[in-house]
Amino acid sequence: MKASRTVGPLVIIGGAEDRKDKCGILREFIRLAGGSKARIVIMTVASEYPEEVGADYLEVVRRLGVKNVQAIDIRQHEQASSQELVDAIEKATAVFFTGGDQQRITHLVGGSRADQVLHRRHEQGLVLGGTSAGAAMMSSTMIVDGLSEPTPRVGNVKIGPGMEFMRGTIIDQHFGQRGRYGRLLSAVAQYPHQLGIGIDEDTALLVQGDIFHVIGCGAVTVVDAGAATYNNVLQCRSGEHVALCDIRLHVLTAGLGFNLTERMPLHMEHLPKTK
């Protein structure tokens, strides 16, 4: 597996993060972005209700002490190459993608000037965050849609290319709340070289280099089928259940982490301090 080599931190949220009370995950995102001096761009491209979603995040981020924040929406692919958007990303210390439909992000932003600038700036230290659909698109191989089932089955998950900010992974969100174990297992059965990562609501990965920490109130489930001794996905027809033997499963909560290169969980005493 080619692990993530990007320089800037990633804050990848499983959706439904607290925006009313302590706002712990968003506070950490803002801290990484520069605190009160942060310059944040909120990308509402995934949402069908960009004005409402944008206004909600603007209110929260301003309430948490950041004055320099703007919401930008994209409805057509050519807008993602506009000079206005490119300039906003160039000046930002952080960019945050809201929830909605992750395929809208890849279709409307993928391959554009904004896509190129996001990757370049991220390699230079730009903080990137995303929740729900904004989390799913972070991976190399992206879950587009799928059925919430307890066991893996051929045809119960639709997969496409992600934006590749966190390479070597397949990310699923709202994981425990929507019972998405089966579809993540189905995905890694098809792509065992990728790590499957399921993130609960109000829970996030803080990714720095090849290591991520878990923050928030839920769990992160890591599925590793790379060393499976049996995987019959190629012999199964559509609708049939998939058999997987000797896969590794890790359930991580706040204070734990994971080394993406070594494919190993990390306990608190082994985690580097966040910057």
Protein backbone atom coordinates (compact mmCIF):
# COMPACT_ATOMS: atom_id res chain seq x y z
CA MET A 1 0.00 0.00 0.00
CA LYS A 2 1.19 3.49 -0.82
CA ALA A 3 0.51 5.47 2.31
CA SER A 4 -0.39 9.12 2.46
CA ARG A 5 2.65 11.41 1.94
CA THR A 6 0.92 14.76 2.13
CA VAL A 7 2.25 17.44 4.44
CA GLY A 8 -0.89 19.25 5.57
CA PRO A 9 -3.17 17.66 8.17
CA LEU A 10 -6.44 16.02 7.15
CA VAL A 11 -9.49 16.16 9.41
CA ILE A 12 -11.84 13.48 8.09
CA ILE A 13 -15.21 13.38 9.88
CA GLY A 14 -17.79 10.60 9.82
CA GLY A 15 -20.65 13.09 9.59
CA ALA A 16 -23.06 14.70 12.06
CA GLU A 17 -20.26 16.40 13.98
CA ASP A 18 -21.29 18.52 16.95
CA ARG A 19 -21.96 22.07 15.74
CA LYS A 20 -24.10 23.23 18.67
CA ASP A 21 -22.35 22.42 21.95
CA LYS A 22 -18.60 21.92 22.50
CA CYS A 23 -17.81 21.56 18.78
CA GLY A 24 -14.67 19.61 19.66
CA ILE A 25 -13.81 18.36 16.19
CA LEU A 26 -14.39 21.69 14.48
CA ARG A 27 -12.38 23.43 17.20
CA GLU A 28 -9.45 21.12 16.42
CA PHE A 29 -9.81 21.82 12.70
CA ILE A 30 -9.73 25.55 13.41
CA ARG A 31 -6.73 25.19 15.73
CA LEU A 32 -4.78 23.40 13.01
CA ALA A 33 -5.81 26.09 10.52
CA GLY A 34 -4.36 28.88 12.66
CA GLY A 35 -6.98 29.61 15.30
CA SER A 36 -8.47 33.08 15.19
CA LYS A 37 -6.00 33.99 12.42
CA ALA A 38 -7.19 31.17 10.16
CA ARG A 39 -8.44 31.82 6.65
CA ILE A 40 -11.04 29.17 5.89
CA VAL A 41 -12.93 28.28 2.73
CA ILE A 42 -16.11 26.23 3.13
CA MET A 43 -16.87 24.18 0.00
CA THR A 44 -20.57 23.31 -0.33
CA VAL A 45 -20.26 21.57 -3.71
CA ALA A 46 -21.59 18.23 -2.37
CA SER A 47 -24.83 19.68 -1.00
CA GLU A 48 -28.20 20.07 -2.70
CA TYR A 49 -28.83 22.98 -0.32
CA PRO A 50 -25.62 24.99 -0.56
CA GLU A 51 -26.99 28.27 0.78
CA GLU A 52 -28.42 26.72 3.95
CA VAL A 53 -25.41 24.48 4.57
CA GLY A 54 -22.96 27.28 3.87
CA ALA A 55 -24.76 29.66 6.22
CA ASP A 56 -24.74 27.03 8.97
CA TYR A 57 -20.99 26.46 8.79
CA LEU A 58 -20.24 30.17 8.47
CA GLU A 59 -22.18 30.80 11.68
CA VAL A 60 -20.39 28.01 13.55
CA VAL A 61 -16.88 28.94 12.41
CA ARG A 62 -17.44 32.61 13.22
CA ARG A 63 -18.85 31.70 16.62
CA LEU A 64 -15.64 29.73 17.25
CA GLY A 65 -13.58 32.87 16.68
CA VAL A 66 -12.64 32.92 13.00
CA LYS A 67 -13.53 36.10 11.11
CA ASN A 68 -11.91 35.30 7.77
CA VAL A 69 -14.21 32.58 6.44
CA GLN A 70 -16.18 32.29 3.21
CA ALA A 71 -18.50 29.71 1.67
CA ILE A 72 -18.03 28.88 -2.01
CA ASP A 73 -20.38 26.73 -4.06
CA ILE A 74 -19.87 25.00 -7.40
CA ARG A 75 -22.75 23.92 -9.63
CA GLN A 76 -20.83 23.41 -12.91
CA HIS A 77 -17.43 21.88 -13.62
CA GLU A 78 -16.05 25.01 -15.26
CA GLN A 79 -16.67 26.97 -12.06
CA ALA A 80 -14.02 24.83 -10.35
CA SER A 81 -11.41 26.43 -12.61
CA SER A 82 -12.49 30.01 -11.95
CA GLN A 83 -9.83 32.47 -10.88
CA GLU A 84 -11.97 33.48 -7.90
CA LEU A 85 -11.92 29.96 -6.47
CA VAL A 86 -8.25 29.41 -7.24
CA ASP A 87 -7.34 32.69 -5.51
CA ALA A 88 -9.45 31.77 -2.46
CA ILE A 89 -7.68 28.42 -2.09
CA GLU A 90 -4.27 30.03 -2.60
CA LYS A 91 -4.94 32.45 0.28
CA ALA A 92 -6.60 29.93 2.61
CA THR A 93 -4.99 28.17 5.55
CA ALA A 94 -7.75 25.52 5.47
CA VAL A 95 -10.48 24.22 3.16
CA PHE A 96 -13.49 22.30 4.44
CA PHE A 97 -15.89 20.15 2.35
CA THR A 98 -19.43 19.73 3.68
CA GLY A 99 -21.69 16.70 3.36
CA GLY A 100 -24.06 15.80 0.56
CA ASP A 101 -23.21 13.60 -2.42
CA GLN A 102 -19.53 12.71 -2.73
CA GLN A 103 -19.86 12.06 -6.46
CA ARG A 104 -20.70 15.73 -6.95
CA ILE A 105 -17.26 16.59 -5.56
CA THR A 106 -15.35 14.24 -7.84
CA HIS A 107 -17.43 15.14 -10.91
CA LEU A 108 -17.42 18.92 -10.42
CA VAL A 109 -13.97 19.47 -8.86
CA GLY A 110 -11.94 16.52 -10.15
CA GLY A 111 -9.40 17.48 -12.81
CA SER A 112 -10.06 21.21 -12.45
CA ARG A 113 -7.65 24.00 -11.56
CA ALA A 114 -9.08 23.92 -8.04
CA ASP A 115 -8.22 20.21 -7.81
CA GLN A 116 -4.63 20.91 -8.85
CA VAL A 117 -4.26 23.83 -6.43
CA LEU A 118 -5.80 21.88 -3.55
CA HIS A 119 -3.27 19.07 -3.97
CA ARG A 120 -0.32 21.42 -4.36
CA ARG A 121 -1.30 23.59 -1.41
CA HIS A 122 -2.00 20.52 0.73
CA GLU A 123 1.51 19.27 0.03
CA GLN A 124 2.71 22.68 1.20
CA GLY A 125 0.76 22.49 4.48
CA LEU A 126 -2.84 23.47 3.72
CA VAL A 127 -5.26 21.89 6.19
CA LEU A 128 -8.09 19.95 4.56
CA GLY A 129 -11.28 18.86 6.30
CA GLY A 130 -14.40 17.07 5.21
CA THR A 131 -17.52 15.59 6.75
CA SER A 132 -19.75 12.79 5.45
CA ALA A 133 -19.49 13.11 1.63
CA GLY A 134 -16.53 15.41 2.24
CA ALA A 135 -14.90 12.52 4.09
CA ALA A 136 -15.69 9.79 1.56
CA MET A 137 -14.06 11.71 -1.29
CA MET A 138 -10.73 11.95 0.57
CA SER A 139 -9.77 8.36 -0.25
CA SER A 140 -8.21 6.86 -3.36
CA THR A 141 -11.09 4.46 -3.98
CA MET A 142 -14.42 6.02 -3.03
CA ILE A 143 -17.67 4.41 -1.97
CA VAL A 144 -20.28 6.17 -4.09
CA ASP A 145 -23.35 4.36 -2.80
CA GLY A 146 -24.34 1.03 -1.29
CA LEU A 147 -26.73 -0.98 0.81
CA SER A 148 -26.38 -1.07 4.59
CA GLU A 149 -26.00 -4.77 5.24
CA PRO A 150 -24.19 -6.73 7.98
CA THR A 151 -22.32 -9.09 5.61
CA PRO A 152 -20.46 -8.52 2.33
CA ARG A 153 -22.25 -9.31 -0.91
CA VAL A 154 -21.39 -8.79 -4.57
CA GLY A 155 -23.27 -5.81 -5.94
CA ASN A 156 -24.18 -4.12 -2.66
CA VAL A 157 -21.65 -1.32 -3.07
CA LYS A 158 -20.88 1.12 -5.91
CA ILE A 159 -17.27 2.22 -6.08
CA GLY A 160 -15.45 4.95 -8.00
CA PRO A 161 -12.26 7.01 -7.86
CA GLY A 162 -11.87 9.48 -5.02
CA MET A 163 -9.85 12.69 -4.81
CA GLU A 164 -6.79 10.85 -3.38
CA PHE A 165 -5.92 13.08 -0.47
CA MET A 166 -5.58 9.97 1.73
CA ARG A 167 -4.06 7.34 -0.51
CA GLY A 168 -4.34 3.61 0.05
CA THR A 169 -7.74 3.81 1.73
CA ILE A 170 -11.46 3.38 1.21
CA ILE A 171 -13.38 5.62 3.61
CA ASP A 172 -16.98 5.12 4.71
CA GLN A 173 -18.93 7.48 6.99
CA HIS A 174 -21.95 7.39 9.34
CA PHE A 175 -20.47 3.94 9.84
CA GLY A 176 -21.85 2.48 13.05
CA GLN A 177 -25.07 4.50 12.98
CA ARG A 178 -26.09 3.20 9.53
CA GLY A 179 -24.73 -0.33 9.81
CA ARG A 180 -22.28 -0.09 6.94
CA TYR A 181 -20.01 -3.01 7.85
CA GLY A 182 -21.18 -5.14 4.93
CA ARG A 183 -20.58 -2.54 2.26
CA LEU A 184 -17.09 -1.70 3.56
CA LEU A 185 -16.22 -5.41 3.66
CA SER A 186 -17.54 -5.73 0.11
CA ALA A 187 -15.33 -2.86 -0.99
CA VAL A 188 -12.11 -4.20 0.56
CA ALA A 189 -12.87 -7.67 -0.81
CA GLN A 190 -12.67 -6.10 -4.28
CA TYR A 191 -9.66 -3.91 -3.43
CA PRO A 192 -7.68 -5.74 -0.69
CA HIS A 193 -4.63 -3.51 -1.20
CA GLN A 194 -6.67 -0.63 0.22
CA LEU A 195 -7.41 -0.25 3.93
CA GLY A 196 -11.12 0.06 4.68
CA ILE A 197 -11.84 2.81 7.20
CA GLY A 198 -15.32 3.28 8.67
CA ILE A 199 -15.86 6.45 10.71
CA ASP A 200 -18.75 6.90 13.14
CA GLU A 201 -20.69 10.13 13.43
CA ASP A 202 -19.16 12.96 15.51
CA THR A 203 -15.84 11.15 15.15
CA ALA A 204 -12.84 12.02 13.01
CA LEU A 205 -9.43 10.99 11.81
CA LEU A 206 -6.68 13.53 12.30
CA VAL A 207 -4.20 12.42 9.65
CA GLN A 208 -0.63 13.69 9.74
CA GLY A 209 1.76 11.96 7.38
CA ASP A 210 1.41 8.19 7.67
CA ILE A 211 -0.31 8.25 11.07
CA PHE A 212 -3.83 9.12 12.11
CA HIS A 213 -5.30 9.86 15.53
CA VAL A 214 -8.93 9.31 16.46
CA ILE A 215 -10.83 12.24 17.95
CA GLY A 216 -14.50 12.59 18.85
CA CYS A 217 -17.04 10.48 20.69
CA GLY A 218 -17.41 7.40 18.47
CA ALA A 219 -15.19 4.75 16.93
CA VAL A 220 -13.15 4.21 13.79
CA THR A 221 -13.17 0.72 12.31
CA VAL A 222 -10.20 -0.36 10.20
CA VAL A 223 -10.59 -3.40 7.93
CA ASP A 224 -7.39 -4.91 6.49
CA ALA A 225 -7.92 -7.71 3.94
CA GLY A 226 -4.39 -7.54 2.57
CA ALA A 227 -3.29 -10.80 4.22
CA ALA A 228 -6.58 -12.68 3.80
CA THR A 229 -6.08 -16.40 3.24
CA TYR A 230 -9.39 -16.75 1.40
CA ASN A 231 -11.38 -14.26 -0.64
CA ASN A 232 -13.88 -15.65 -3.16
CA VAL A 233 -15.18 -12.35 -4.55
CA LEU A 234 -14.07 -13.25 -8.09
CA GLN A 235 -16.05 -16.51 -8.01
CA CYS A 236 -19.28 -14.93 -6.75
CA ARG A 237 -22.13 -13.80 -8.95
CA SER A 238 -24.13 -10.63 -8.36
CA GLY A 239 -26.15 -10.88 -5.17
CA GLU A 240 -24.12 -13.72 -3.65
CA HIS A 241 -22.40 -13.33 -0.30
CA VAL A 242 -18.62 -13.03 -0.21
CA ALA A 243 -16.41 -15.19 2.02
CA LEU A 244 -13.32 -13.63 3.63
CA CYS A 245 -10.92 -15.47 5.95
CA ASP A 246 -8.16 -14.16 8.20
CA ILE A 247 -8.79 -10.46 7.68
CA ARG A 248 -7.71 -8.03 10.39
CA LEU A 249 -10.20 -5.79 12.18
CA HIS A 250 -9.34 -2.86 14.47
CA VAL A 251 -11.85 -0.74 16.38
CA LEU A 252 -10.23 2.48 17.56
CA THR A 253 -11.59 5.19 19.86
CA ALA A 254 -10.31 8.61 20.94
CA GLY A 255 -6.73 8.46 22.12
CA LEU A 256 -5.79 5.62 19.76
CA GLY A 257 -4.29 5.82 16.32
CA PHE A 258 -3.00 3.89 13.34
CA ASN A 259 0.19 3.66 11.29
CA LEU A 260 -0.91 3.50 7.64
CA THR A 261 2.45 2.26 6.37
CA GLU A 262 2.85 -0.55 8.88
CA ARG A 263 -0.91 -1.26 9.02
CA MET A 264 -0.67 -1.32 12.80
CA PRO A 265 -2.77 0.28 15.57
CA LEU A 266 -1.03 2.68 17.92
CA HIS A 267 -1.73 3.17 21.60
CA MET A 268 -1.63 6.60 23.22
CA GLU A 269 1.95 6.31 24.45
CA HIS A 270 3.14 5.56 20.92
CA LEU A 271 1.36 8.44 19.21
CA PRO A 272 3.32 11.55 18.21
CA LYS A 273 1.97 14.83 19.48
CA THR A 274 -0.30 16.73 17.10
CA LYS A 275 1.13 19.92 15.69
